[in-house]
Protein backbone atom coordinates (compact mmCIF):
# COMPACT_ATOMS: atom_id res chain seq x y z
CA MET A 1 5.73 -18.40 11.49
CA LEU A 2 3.88 -19.20 14.70
CA LYS A 3 6.67 -17.73 16.85
CA PHE A 4 6.27 -14.32 15.19
CA LEU A 5 2.51 -14.52 15.63
CA PHE A 6 2.91 -15.27 19.36
CA LEU A 7 5.35 -12.38 19.73
CA LEU A 8 2.70 -10.07 18.23
CA ILE A 9 -0.11 -11.48 20.39
CA PHE A 10 1.95 -11.14 23.59
CA MET A 11 2.64 -7.53 22.64
CA ILE A 12 -1.04 -6.62 23.17
CA PRO A 13 -0.73 -6.12 26.99
CA LEU A 14 2.07 -3.57 26.37
CA CYS A 15 -0.47 -1.34 24.63
CA PHE A 16 -2.50 -0.74 27.78
CA LYS A 17 0.09 1.32 29.62
CA LYS A 18 0.54 4.85 28.32
CA SER A 19 4.27 5.01 29.10
CA PHE A 20 4.85 1.95 26.88
CA PHE A 21 3.73 3.79 23.71
CA TRP A 22 7.28 3.97 22.30
CA MET A 23 8.07 0.52 23.67
CA VAL A 24 5.45 -0.95 21.31
CA GLN A 25 7.12 0.78 18.37
CA ASN A 26 10.56 -0.51 19.44
CA VAL A 27 9.30 -4.08 19.77
CA ILE A 28 7.69 -3.96 16.30
CA MET A 29 10.98 -2.65 14.85
CA PHE A 30 12.86 -5.43 16.69
CA LEU A 31 10.42 -7.96 15.21
CA GLY A 32 11.22 -6.54 11.77
CA PHE A 33 14.96 -7.12 12.28
CA LEU A 34 14.30 -10.66 13.54
CA PHE A 35 12.27 -11.28 10.42
CA ILE A 36 15.06 -9.95 8.18
CA LEU A 37 17.48 -12.41 9.80
CA MET A 38 15.04 -15.21 8.93
CA ASN A 39 15.50 -14.59 5.21
CA ILE A 40 15.84 -18.20 4.10
CA TYR A 41 12.76 -18.10 1.90
CA SER A 42 12.60 -19.37 -1.64
CA ASN A 43 9.83 -19.56 -4.24
CA TYR A 44 8.11 -22.42 -2.40
CA TRP A 45 6.41 -22.44 1.02
CA MET A 46 8.76 -22.69 4.01
CA SER A 47 8.56 -22.19 7.81
CA ILE A 48 5.26 -24.07 7.71
CA SER A 49 3.29 -24.20 10.98
CA TYR A 50 -0.36 -25.27 11.06
CA VAL A 51 -2.03 -23.10 8.38
CA LEU A 52 0.77 -20.54 8.21
CA GLY A 53 3.80 -20.50 5.96
CA CYS A 54 5.95 -18.08 4.03
CA ASP A 55 7.42 -17.87 0.56
CA MET A 56 9.35 -15.09 -1.16
CA MET A 57 6.23 -13.15 -2.11
CA SER A 58 4.78 -13.26 1.41
CA TYR A 59 8.18 -12.46 2.90
CA GLY A 60 8.51 -9.08 1.19
CA LEU A 61 4.98 -8.00 2.03
CA ILE A 62 5.11 -9.14 5.68
CA LEU A 63 8.38 -7.25 6.11
CA LEU A 64 6.81 -4.17 4.51
CA SER A 65 3.83 -4.46 6.91
CA ILE A 66 6.08 -4.65 9.98
CA TRP A 67 8.21 -1.75 8.74
CA ILE A 68 5.28 0.55 7.91
CA THR A 69 3.41 -0.18 11.18
CA SER A 70 6.46 0.72 13.27
CA LEU A 71 6.83 3.96 11.28
CA MET A 72 3.10 4.67 11.74
CA ILE A 73 3.55 4.76 15.53
CA MET A 74 6.70 6.83 15.14
CA SER A 75 4.95 9.47 13.03
CA SER A 76 1.90 9.67 15.34
CA SER A 77 3.56 11.39 18.29
CA LEU A 78 0.79 14.03 18.24
CA ILE A 79 -1.69 11.36 19.45
CA TYR A 80 0.68 10.45 22.30
CA ASN A 81 1.44 14.07 23.29
CA SER A 82 -2.18 15.19 23.23
CA GLY A 83 -3.33 12.06 25.10
CA ASN A 84 -5.87 11.29 22.37
CA TYR A 85 -6.57 7.65 23.45
CA SER A 86 -2.97 6.69 22.70
CA MET A 87 -3.30 3.29 24.40
CA PHE A 88 -6.23 2.24 22.22
CA PHE A 89 -4.36 3.62 19.21
CA SER A 90 -1.32 1.38 19.76
CA PHE A 91 -3.63 -1.59 20.48
CA ASN A 92 -5.42 -0.91 17.19
CA ILE A 93 -2.14 -0.88 15.26
CA VAL A 94 -0.91 -4.13 16.84
CA VAL A 95 -4.22 -5.86 16.01
CA LEU A 96 -3.98 -4.56 12.44
CA LEU A 97 -0.43 -5.91 12.15
CA ILE A 98 -1.59 -9.33 13.44
CA PHE A 99 -4.32 -9.46 10.75
CA LEU A 100 -1.91 -8.38 8.02
CA PHE A 101 0.66 -10.94 9.15
CA LEU A 102 -2.00 -13.68 9.04
CA THR A 103 -3.24 -12.52 5.62
CA PHE A 104 0.17 -12.66 3.98
CA SER A 105 1.27 -15.89 5.66
CA SER A 106 -1.92 -17.96 5.36
CA MET A 107 -1.68 -20.90 2.97
CA ASN A 108 -5.41 -21.60 3.05
CA LEU A 109 -7.78 -19.66 0.78
CA LEU A 110 -10.58 -19.37 3.34
CA MET A 111 -8.25 -18.20 6.12
CA PHE A 112 -6.74 -15.70 3.69
CA TYR A 113 -10.24 -14.36 2.95
CA VAL A 114 -11.16 -14.03 6.64
CA CYS A 115 -7.95 -12.16 7.53
CA PHE A 116 -8.17 -10.09 4.31
CA GLU A 117 -11.57 -8.81 5.43
CA SER A 118 -10.63 -8.51 9.12
CA SER A 119 -7.84 -6.04 8.34
CA LEU A 120 -10.61 -3.63 7.33
CA ILE A 121 -11.93 -3.29 10.91
CA PRO A 122 -8.86 -1.71 12.62
CA THR A 123 -8.42 0.56 9.58
CA LEU A 124 -12.03 1.70 9.94
CA PHE A 125 -11.41 2.43 13.64
CA LEU A 126 -8.31 4.45 12.71
CA ILE A 127 -10.31 6.62 10.30
CA LEU A 128 -13.39 6.99 12.54
CA GLY A 129 -11.47 7.46 15.79
CA TRP A 130 -8.52 9.67 14.86
CA GLY A 131 -9.61 11.29 11.57
CA TYR A 132 -9.69 15.06 11.26
CA GLN A 133 -13.04 16.16 9.75
CA PRO A 134 -16.65 15.11 10.44
CA GLU A 135 -16.76 13.67 6.86
CA ARG A 136 -14.72 10.74 8.16
CA LEU A 137 -17.99 8.90 8.88
CA GLN A 138 -18.92 9.04 5.21
CA ALA A 139 -15.38 7.99 4.22
CA GLY A 140 -15.56 5.03 6.60
CA ILE A 141 -18.89 3.89 5.17
CA TYR A 142 -17.53 4.20 1.62
CA LEU A 143 -14.53 2.08 2.59
CA LEU A 144 -16.69 -0.55 4.29
CA PHE A 145 -19.33 -0.90 1.60
CA TYR A 146 -17.04 -0.86 -1.43
CA THR A 147 -14.74 -3.55 -0.05
CA LEU A 148 -17.29 -5.74 1.74
CA LEU A 149 -19.85 -5.74 -1.06
CA ALA A 150 -17.22 -6.71 -3.64
CA SER A 151 -15.75 -9.47 -1.52
CA LEU A 152 -18.95 -11.43 -0.87
CA PRO A 153 -18.89 -13.03 -4.37
CA MET A 154 -15.35 -14.12 -3.58
CA LEU A 155 -16.59 -16.03 -0.53
CA LEU A 156 -19.08 -17.89 -2.75
CA SER A 157 -16.34 -18.78 -5.22
CA ILE A 158 -14.17 -20.14 -2.37
CA PHE A 159 -17.07 -22.39 -1.33
CA TYR A 160 -17.42 -23.45 -4.98
CA ILE A 161 -13.71 -24.49 -5.05
CA TYR A 162 -14.18 -26.53 -1.88
CA LEU A 163 -17.31 -28.17 -3.30
CA GLU A 164 -15.53 -29.10 -6.55
CA LEU A 165 -12.09 -30.13 -5.26
CA GLY A 166 -12.32 -30.55 -1.50
CA VAL A 167 -9.11 -28.51 -0.97
CA MET A 168 -8.42 -24.84 -0.35
CA GLU A 169 -4.61 -24.80 0.04
CA PHE A 170 -2.81 -22.49 -2.41
CA TYR A 171 -0.07 -25.02 -3.16
CA LEU A 172 -2.62 -27.75 -4.04
CA LEU A 173 -4.64 -25.46 -6.31
CA ILE A 174 -1.68 -24.48 -8.52
CA ASN A 175 -2.27 -27.18 -11.15
CA GLU A 176 -6.06 -26.84 -11.21
CA GLU A 177 -7.88 -25.04 -14.01
CA PHE A 178 -11.38 -23.56 -13.83
CA MET A 179 -13.26 -22.60 -17.00
CA ASN A 180 -16.26 -20.81 -15.48
CA PHE A 181 -16.50 -17.11 -16.38
CA MET A 182 -18.75 -16.23 -13.43
CA PHE A 183 -16.28 -17.91 -11.07
CA TYR A 184 -13.47 -15.82 -12.58
CA ILE A 185 -15.37 -12.55 -12.07
CA CYS A 186 -16.44 -13.43 -8.52
CA MET A 187 -12.91 -14.44 -7.59
CA ILE A 188 -11.08 -11.31 -8.70
CA VAL A 189 -13.60 -8.48 -8.22
CA ALA A 190 -12.75 -8.16 -4.50
CA PHE A 191 -9.07 -7.69 -5.36
CA LEU A 192 -9.84 -5.18 -8.13
CA VAL A 193 -11.77 -2.99 -5.67
CA LYS A 194 -9.03 -3.29 -3.06
CA MET A 195 -6.26 -2.31 -5.51
CA PRO A 196 -8.25 -0.05 -6.45
CA MET A 197 -8.99 -0.30 -10.17
CA PHE A 198 -10.26 2.81 -11.96
CA MET A 199 -14.08 3.11 -11.67
CA VAL A 200 -14.13 1.40 -8.25
CA HIS A 201 -11.52 3.73 -6.78
CA LEU A 202 -13.78 6.38 -5.24
CA TRP A 203 -13.44 5.07 -1.68
CA LEU A 204 -9.65 5.59 -1.68
CA PRO A 205 -9.28 9.42 -2.00
CA LYS A 206 -12.12 9.89 0.53
CA ALA A 207 -10.50 7.52 3.04
CA HIS A 208 -7.06 9.10 2.56
CA VAL A 209 -8.24 12.67 2.99
CA GLU A 210 -10.16 11.91 6.17
CA ALA A 211 -7.70 9.44 7.74
CA PRO A 212 -4.99 10.46 10.25
CA VAL A 213 -1.39 10.11 9.07
CA SER A 214 -1.17 6.54 10.37
CA GLY A 215 -4.36 5.60 8.50
CA SER A 216 -3.05 7.08 5.25
CA MET A 217 0.27 5.30 5.68
CA ILE A 218 -1.27 1.87 6.21
CA LEU A 219 -3.80 2.41 3.40
CA ALA A 220 -1.18 3.46 0.86
CA GLY A 221 1.57 1.21 2.17
CA ILE A 222 -0.15 -2.12 2.77
CA LEU A 223 -3.91 -2.30 2.20
CA LEU A 224 -3.67 -1.49 -1.53
CA LYS A 225 -1.09 -4.28 -1.82
CA LEU A 226 -3.55 -6.84 -0.45
CA GLY A 227 -5.41 -6.70 -3.78
CA GLY A 228 -2.24 -7.24 -5.81
CA TYR A 229 -1.09 -10.05 -3.54
CA GLY A 230 -4.49 -11.78 -3.84
CA LEU A 231 -4.40 -11.54 -7.64
CA LEU A 232 -0.86 -12.96 -7.77
CA ARG A 233 -2.06 -15.90 -5.68
CA VAL A 234 -5.35 -16.69 -7.46
CA PHE A 235 -4.03 -16.37 -11.01
CA SER A 236 -2.11 -19.61 -10.46
CA PHE A 237 -5.43 -21.44 -10.95
CA LEU A 238 -7.15 -18.92 -13.24
CA GLN A 239 -4.56 -18.97 -16.04
CA PHE A 240 -6.73 -19.96 -19.02
CA LEU A 241 -9.57 -17.63 -18.08
CA GLY A 242 -7.02 -14.91 -17.42
CA LEU A 243 -5.46 -15.24 -20.87
CA LYS A 244 -8.92 -15.10 -22.38
CA TYR A 245 -10.50 -12.14 -20.53
CA ASN A 246 -7.72 -10.09 -18.94
CA TYR A 247 -7.66 -7.57 -21.80
CA ILE A 248 -10.75 -5.95 -20.19
CA TRP A 249 -8.88 -5.06 -16.99
CA VAL A 250 -5.67 -4.00 -18.78
CA THR A 251 -7.67 -1.57 -20.94
CA ILE A 252 -9.59 -0.11 -17.99
CA SER A 253 -6.35 0.24 -15.98
CA LEU A 254 -4.41 2.02 -18.71
CA VAL A 255 -7.19 4.42 -19.71
CA GLY A 256 -7.96 4.97 -16.01
CA GLY A 257 -4.29 5.68 -15.27
CA VAL A 258 -4.29 8.54 -17.79
CA LEU A 259 -7.59 9.98 -16.52
CA VAL A 260 -6.53 9.79 -12.87
CA SER A 261 -3.22 11.48 -13.75
CA LEU A 262 -5.22 14.35 -15.25
CA ILE A 263 -7.33 14.50 -12.07
CA CYS A 264 -4.07 14.77 -10.07
CA LEU A 265 -3.07 17.88 -12.00
CA ARG A 266 -6.07 19.84 -10.74
CA GLN A 267 -5.97 18.86 -7.06
CA THR A 268 -5.52 21.58 -4.45
CA ASP A 269 -5.41 19.15 -1.50
CA LEU A 270 -1.98 17.59 -0.85
CA SER A 271 -3.39 14.32 0.54
CA ALA A 272 -5.86 13.96 -2.31
CA LEU A 273 -3.08 14.47 -4.86
CA ILE A 274 -0.91 11.74 -3.31
CA ALA A 275 -3.98 9.45 -3.01
CA TYR A 276 -4.89 9.87 -6.69
CA SER A 277 -1.26 9.27 -7.68
CA SER A 278 -1.54 5.94 -5.80
CA VAL A 279 -4.52 5.04 -7.99
CA ALA A 280 -2.52 5.87 -11.13
CA HIS A 281 0.45 3.76 -9.99
CA MET A 282 -1.77 0.85 -9.03
CA GLY A 283 -3.31 1.11 -12.52
CA ILE A 284 0.08 0.30 -14.08
CA VAL A 285 0.60 -2.51 -11.53
CA LEU A 286 -2.78 -4.02 -12.43
CA GLY A 287 -2.11 -3.66 -16.16
CA GLY A 288 1.26 -5.42 -15.91
CA LEU A 289 -0.08 -8.12 -13.61
CA MET A 290 -2.97 -8.90 -15.94
CA THR A 291 -0.67 -9.49 -18.92
CA MET A 292 0.41 -12.62 -16.98
CA THR A 293 3.98 -12.50 -18.31
CA TYR A 294 7.02 -13.15 -16.14
CA TRP A 295 8.10 -9.49 -16.42
CA GLY A 296 4.60 -8.31 -15.60
CA LEU A 297 4.15 -10.42 -12.45
CA CYS A 298 7.63 -9.61 -11.10
CA GLY A 299 7.29 -5.93 -11.98
CA ALA A 300 3.91 -5.75 -10.25
CA TYR A 301 5.40 -7.23 -7.07
CA THR A 302 8.42 -4.89 -7.21
CA LEU A 303 6.36 -1.75 -7.75
CA MET A 304 3.94 -2.74 -4.97
CA ILE A 305 6.79 -2.81 -2.45
CA ALA A 306 8.40 0.36 -3.85
CA HIS A 307 5.11 2.26 -3.90
CA GLY A 308 4.36 1.15 -0.33
CA LEU A 309 7.49 2.88 0.95
CA CYS A 310 7.36 5.91 -1.34
CA SER A 311 3.67 6.77 -0.97
CA SER A 312 3.77 6.27 2.80
CA GLY A 313 6.73 8.68 3.02
CA LEU A 314 4.87 11.31 0.98
CA PHE A 315 1.87 11.09 3.33
CA CYS A 316 4.26 11.61 6.25
CA LEU A 317 5.59 14.76 4.60
CA ALA A 318 2.08 16.04 3.88
CA ASN A 319 1.21 15.45 7.54
CA MET A 320 4.30 17.34 8.75
CA SER A 321 3.17 20.35 6.71
CA TYR A 322 -0.39 19.90 8.03
CA GLU A 323 0.75 19.86 11.67
CA ARG A 324 2.47 23.22 11.20
CA MET A 325 0.13 25.01 8.76
CA LEU A 326 -3.10 23.33 10.00
CA SER A 327 -4.23 23.00 6.40
CA ARG A 328 -3.62 20.58 3.55
CA SER A 329 -4.52 23.13 0.89
CA MET A 330 -1.70 23.76 -1.58
CA LEU A 331 -2.64 27.44 -1.63
CA ILE A 332 -1.49 27.68 2.00
CA ASN A 333 1.25 25.00 1.92
CA ARG A 334 3.53 26.89 -0.44
CA GLY A 335 6.96 28.42 -0.19
CA LEU A 336 7.90 25.77 2.37
CA LEU A 337 11.50 25.98 1.22
CA ASN A 338 11.84 29.30 3.14
CA PHE A 339 9.93 27.92 6.10
CA MET A 340 11.38 24.41 6.57
CA PRO A 341 14.47 24.13 4.32
CA GLY A 342 15.46 20.86 6.02
CA LEU A 343 12.31 19.14 4.74
CA ALA A 344 12.73 20.41 1.16
CA LEU A 345 15.42 17.79 0.52
CA TRP A 346 13.07 15.02 1.67
CA TRP A 347 10.27 16.41 -0.49
CA PHE A 348 12.68 16.27 -3.43
CA LEU A 349 13.95 12.75 -2.69
CA LEU A 350 10.50 11.20 -2.22
CA SER A 351 8.98 13.11 -5.14
CA SER A 352 11.75 11.86 -7.44
CA ALA A 353 11.07 8.32 -6.16
CA ASN A 354 7.37 8.86 -6.96
CA MET A 355 8.23 9.61 -10.59
CA ALA A 356 10.54 6.55 -10.73
CA ALA A 357 13.91 8.24 -10.91
CA PRO A 358 17.02 6.05 -10.53
CA PRO A 359 18.30 4.50 -8.26
CA THR A 360 14.91 3.81 -6.61
CA LEU A 361 13.11 0.47 -6.69
CA ASN A 362 10.20 2.23 -8.45
CA LEU A 363 12.37 2.48 -11.58
CA LEU A 364 12.95 -1.28 -11.72
CA GLY A 365 9.23 -1.97 -11.21
CA GLU A 366 8.10 0.53 -13.86
CA ILE A 367 10.66 -0.63 -16.46
CA SER A 368 9.56 -4.26 -16.14
CA LEU A 369 5.86 -3.28 -16.19
CA LEU A 370 6.34 -1.10 -19.30
CA ASN A 371 8.17 -4.04 -20.93
CA SER A 372 5.38 -6.47 -20.14
CA ILE A 373 2.51 -4.20 -21.25
CA VAL A 374 4.21 -3.17 -24.52
CA MET A 375 5.05 -6.83 -25.20
CA TRP A 376 1.36 -7.66 -24.65
CA SER A 377 0.23 -5.04 -27.17
CA TRP A 378 2.22 -2.25 -28.82
CA MET A 379 -0.99 -0.16 -29.01
CA SER A 380 -0.78 0.33 -25.25
CA MET A 381 2.38 2.38 -25.79
CA LEU A 382 0.32 5.55 -26.29
CA MET A 383 -1.39 5.23 -22.90
CA LEU A 384 1.86 4.30 -21.15
CA MET A 385 3.51 7.35 -22.69
CA PHE A 386 0.79 9.60 -21.25
CA ILE A 387 0.88 7.89 -17.83
CA SER A 388 4.68 8.26 -17.57
CA PHE A 389 4.59 11.90 -18.69
CA PHE A 390 1.72 12.95 -16.41
CA SER A 391 3.24 11.01 -13.51
CA SER A 392 6.27 13.32 -13.72
CA ALA A 393 4.05 16.33 -14.38
CA TYR A 394 1.86 16.05 -11.28
CA THR A 395 4.82 15.11 -9.04
CA LEU A 396 6.75 18.19 -10.24
CA TYR A 397 3.59 20.26 -9.78
CA MET A 398 3.28 19.03 -6.20
CA TYR A 399 6.96 19.62 -5.42
CA SER A 400 7.34 23.04 -7.04
CA PHE A 401 4.01 24.37 -5.80
CA SER A 402 4.65 23.34 -2.20
CA GLN A 403 8.33 24.36 -2.02
CA HIS A 404 8.54 27.52 -4.11
CA GLY A 405 6.59 30.76 -4.31
CA LYS A 406 5.58 33.29 -1.67
CA LEU A 407 5.28 32.00 1.86
CA TYR A 408 1.89 32.15 3.58
CA LEU A 409 2.66 34.54 6.47
CA GLY A 410 0.35 32.82 8.95
CA GLY A 411 2.79 29.91 9.09
CA TYR A 412 5.73 31.50 10.91
CA CYS A 413 4.69 29.89 14.19
CA SER A 414 6.80 26.71 14.41
CA SER A 415 9.32 25.81 11.74
CA VAL A 416 11.49 23.42 13.76
CA VAL A 417 11.65 19.88 12.35
CA LYS A 418 12.31 17.23 14.99
CA ILE A 419 14.95 14.51 14.64
CA ARG A 420 12.20 11.89 14.99
CA GLU A 421 10.55 13.25 11.82
CA TYR A 422 13.81 13.12 9.89
CA LEU A 423 14.26 9.53 11.07
CA VAL A 424 10.78 8.53 9.85
CA LEU A 425 11.53 9.98 6.40
CA PHE A 426 14.99 8.38 6.28
CA LEU A 427 13.53 4.97 7.13
CA HIS A 428 11.11 5.32 4.20
CA TRP A 429 13.68 6.50 1.70
CA PHE A 430 16.71 4.37 2.64
CA PRO A 431 15.22 0.88 1.98
CA LEU A 432 13.61 2.22 -1.20
CA ASN A 433 17.05 3.00 -2.65
CA LEU A 434 18.93 0.17 -1.00
CA LEU A 435 16.63 -2.59 -2.30
CA ILE A 436 17.73 -1.90 -5.89
CA MET A 437 21.04 -3.54 -4.89
CA LYS A 438 19.19 -6.75 -3.99
CA SER A 439 16.55 -6.59 -6.71
CA ASP A 440 16.94 -10.28 -7.58
CA CYS A 441 14.66 -11.01 -4.56
CA CYS A 442 11.84 -9.32 -6.43
CA PHE A 443 12.38 -11.48 -9.52
CA ILE A 444 13.14 -15.00 -8.26
CA TRP A 445 9.89 -15.73 -6.42
CA LEU A 446 8.05 -17.04 -9.50
């Protein structure tokens, strides 16, 4: 794992020459292909070097991070063309990728915590530096305070583990059991905020609406998955407490999923709608994960990867409309089928993925999560029914409202879609549908 880390660190000097902007993106993509060729991982730690290692769960999420960061640079050509500090932008993205790589590959709980929190800093710079409206300052503060305040108890619980056992390695903690309720709360609250669970989700729509396209992509694609990944790791030593108290989080997630789906149906802002749909999807992920069944844990992992690709692609599409219409309002972004017919197909493909249509990976994730939650309690079927129905309802609302209807006449200025934009969308959609062929990877890591 150290060789990939060094490749990333030695990429930093490339960022400080403006003409190397696309070179950075090419090298990240090349790193992704190198990492795919290294696919020898199993459900135990391999490629161990110092404190870094990789197992099947880390492998999928590291690959997703590399993939999404390369697509972030590819979709941010406006920053390069307008000369809006493009060198610092690419430096920021490389630093963010280094932190994400370290987070997913660290085998030590304390190092995981440090990198988990450090990934917040480049994201904050993305929102504050390249966001669109002056409200981005408020969004940045929301993001910082929600996540930092919730993660301080986690630091205390890590110290408590070290005091009790003298070890902090994930693979040595697997057989340990803690029976302290306060420890349980302190340990998982940081991950619940990061996911985000309903009631602590208010930072997410604000951050999404104010962030540039690259910020939205990394938030939806990777940073929400940090919470799920952390929960999957810590529940190995919180099993008894989890079985005792997890019903609280499942209930909040399912009720919250329905309420957030209703909020989606009355959004007029494209970015806000996609952001709230992320909260609803993460609600199902959290519900399935908290049942602590085999189907639930595997389904949570599968849907995290699928949602990372699908949601990121939808934010790209919303940004393409924004760059041409200069507004994210759905009252202005309508009738786009007449205006950009080439993009209507991509709107359709990614919207159908968002509502878990076959043959996308979302379908596999949602089926296994529905299985696990219904198996946990048949009463949850009512909430799941509403979540599934409203998920289709708000996605269809978004698609039909933006593609059909009368065209806003102020938008006839530039309707050409560039090949680069088609490529970005293809690289989101293609792995999403191809991974269903190799779905055993998502289920053998336990």
